[in-house]
Protein backbone atom coordinates (compact mmCIF):
# COMPACT_ATOMS: atom_id res chain seq x y z
CA UNK A 1 31.00 -23.02 13.53
CA UNK A 2 29.46 -21.36 10.65
CA UNK A 3 27.51 -18.27 10.38
CA UNK A 4 24.31 -18.16 7.85
CA UNK A 5 24.30 -15.38 5.72
CA UNK A 6 21.15 -13.90 4.27
CA UNK A 7 20.85 -11.59 1.19
CA UNK A 8 18.09 -9.87 3.52
CA UNK A 9 20.83 -9.20 6.18
CA UNK A 10 21.34 -5.74 4.55
CA UNK A 11 17.63 -4.65 5.13
CA UNK A 12 16.48 -6.89 8.13
CA UNK A 13 17.49 -4.20 10.69
CA UNK A 14 14.80 -1.72 9.26
CA UNK A 15 12.20 -4.39 8.04
CA UNK A 16 12.29 -5.86 11.49
CA UNK A 17 12.21 -2.68 13.33
CA UNK A 18 9.08 -1.23 11.34
CA UNK A 19 7.43 -4.93 11.85
CA UNK A 20 7.90 -4.79 15.82
CA UNK A 21 6.68 -1.26 15.96
CA UNK A 22 3.33 -2.47 14.31
CA UNK A 23 3.09 -5.91 16.24
CA UNK A 24 3.57 -7.40 12.54
CA UNK A 25 5.18 -11.00 12.40
CA UNK A 26 7.43 -11.59 9.28
CA UNK A 27 8.32 -15.17 8.08
CA UNK A 28 11.91 -15.75 7.28
CA UNK A 29 11.56 -19.33 5.73
CA UNK A 30 9.33 -21.06 3.46
CA UNK A 31 10.26 -24.75 3.17
CA UNK A 32 14.11 -24.47 2.68
CA UNK A 33 14.01 -20.90 1.24
CA UNK A 34 15.18 -17.76 2.97
CA UNK A 35 12.17 -15.21 2.28
CA UNK A 36 10.80 -12.11 4.00
CA UNK A 37 6.91 -12.15 3.74
CA UNK A 38 3.97 -11.19 5.88
CA UNK A 39 0.57 -13.22 5.78
CA UNK A 40 -2.65 -10.75 7.11
CA UNK A 41 -5.80 -12.76 7.78
CA UNK A 42 -9.40 -11.77 8.69
CA UNK A 43 -10.60 -12.03 11.86
CA UNK A 44 -12.06 -15.33 10.90
CA UNK A 45 -8.78 -16.48 8.89
CA UNK A 46 -10.80 -16.66 5.75
CA UNK A 47 -9.63 -13.96 3.43
CA UNK A 48 -6.04 -12.91 3.54
CA UNK A 49 -3.40 -11.24 1.71
CA UNK A 50 0.27 -11.19 1.71
CA UNK A 51 3.22 -8.64 1.77
CA UNK A 52 6.76 -10.01 0.43
CA UNK A 53 10.14 -8.48 -0.12
CA UNK A 54 11.94 -9.75 -3.30
CA UNK A 55 15.61 -10.56 -2.70
CA UNK A 56 17.50 -7.06 -2.41
CA UNK A 57 20.43 -6.31 -4.50
CA UNK A 58 23.86 -5.71 -3.06
CA UNK A 59 22.86 -2.05 -2.03
CA UNK A 60 19.85 -2.92 -0.41
CA UNK A 61 17.24 -1.85 -3.12
CA UNK A 62 14.26 -4.30 -3.08
CA UNK A 63 10.79 -4.66 -4.81
CA UNK A 64 7.90 -4.97 -2.38
CA UNK A 65 4.91 -6.63 -3.36
CA UNK A 66 1.31 -6.75 -1.86
CA UNK A 67 -1.24 -8.67 -3.06
CA UNK A 68 -4.65 -10.30 -1.95
CA UNK A 69 -5.18 -13.98 -2.06
CA UNK A 70 -8.07 -15.03 -4.76
CA UNK A 71 -8.84 -18.65 -4.81
CA UNK A 72 -11.10 -18.05 -7.80
CA UNK A 73 -8.32 -16.74 -9.86
CA UNK A 74 -6.19 -19.03 -11.99
CA UNK A 75 -2.96 -17.41 -10.29
CA UNK A 76 -4.52 -17.29 -6.89
CA UNK A 77 -3.77 -13.90 -6.73
CA UNK A 78 -5.96 -10.74 -7.13
CA UNK A 79 -5.27 -7.03 -6.89
CA UNK A 80 -1.75 -6.31 -6.38
CA UNK A 81 0.72 -3.25 -5.80
CA UNK A 82 4.47 -2.98 -6.04
CA UNK A 83 6.94 -0.40 -4.70
CA UNK A 84 10.62 -0.32 -5.48
CA UNK A 85 12.62 1.07 -2.27
CA UNK A 86 16.26 1.66 -1.36
CA UNK A 87 17.07 1.20 2.36
CA UNK A 88 16.31 4.75 3.29
CA UNK A 89 12.82 4.66 1.56
CA UNK A 90 11.94 0.94 2.90
CA UNK A 91 9.72 1.83 6.01
CA UNK A 92 7.98 4.42 4.07
CA UNK A 93 7.10 2.19 1.22
CA UNK A 94 6.24 -0.64 3.82
CA UNK A 95 3.85 2.00 5.39
CA UNK A 96 2.36 2.84 2.23
CA UNK A 97 1.59 -0.66 1.56
CA UNK A 98 0.39 -1.68 5.36
CA UNK A 99 -3.09 -0.22 5.14
CA UNK A 100 -3.86 -1.58 1.76
CA UNK A 101 -2.77 -5.02 2.57
CA UNK A 102 -4.74 -5.08 5.96
CA UNK A 103 -7.58 -3.62 4.05
CA UNK A 104 -7.71 -6.28 1.49
CA UNK A 105 -8.03 -8.72 4.72
CA UNK A 106 -10.87 -7.04 6.07
CA UNK A 107 -11.89 -5.94 9.41
CA UNK A 108 -10.10 -7.31 12.38
CA UNK A 109 -7.23 -8.22 10.09
CA UNK A 110 -4.14 -9.66 12.14
CA UNK A 111 -0.90 -11.53 10.97
């Protein structure tokens, strides 16, 4: 029996605690890749935004990116905000970005 290690293990307890407190679903896989991302949709599922965490370093320092999806843009992304956080500051950084990403998705936004 092998255990599956994730580079995110160092921050998952903090991330998942924050997400559970707000009723937010966190994706942990994209295809075969280990990820931590949150898609936010408007009440009709049309406009959306995403918040994702880059791989943390060995100390748990991580870059958090929030961006609105913009299908008209060449990159498919519009406005963007980034925060760099230590494990001690992770939940505060997520809390700072949460209203922004939900605001981009519009009224009635959900994950």
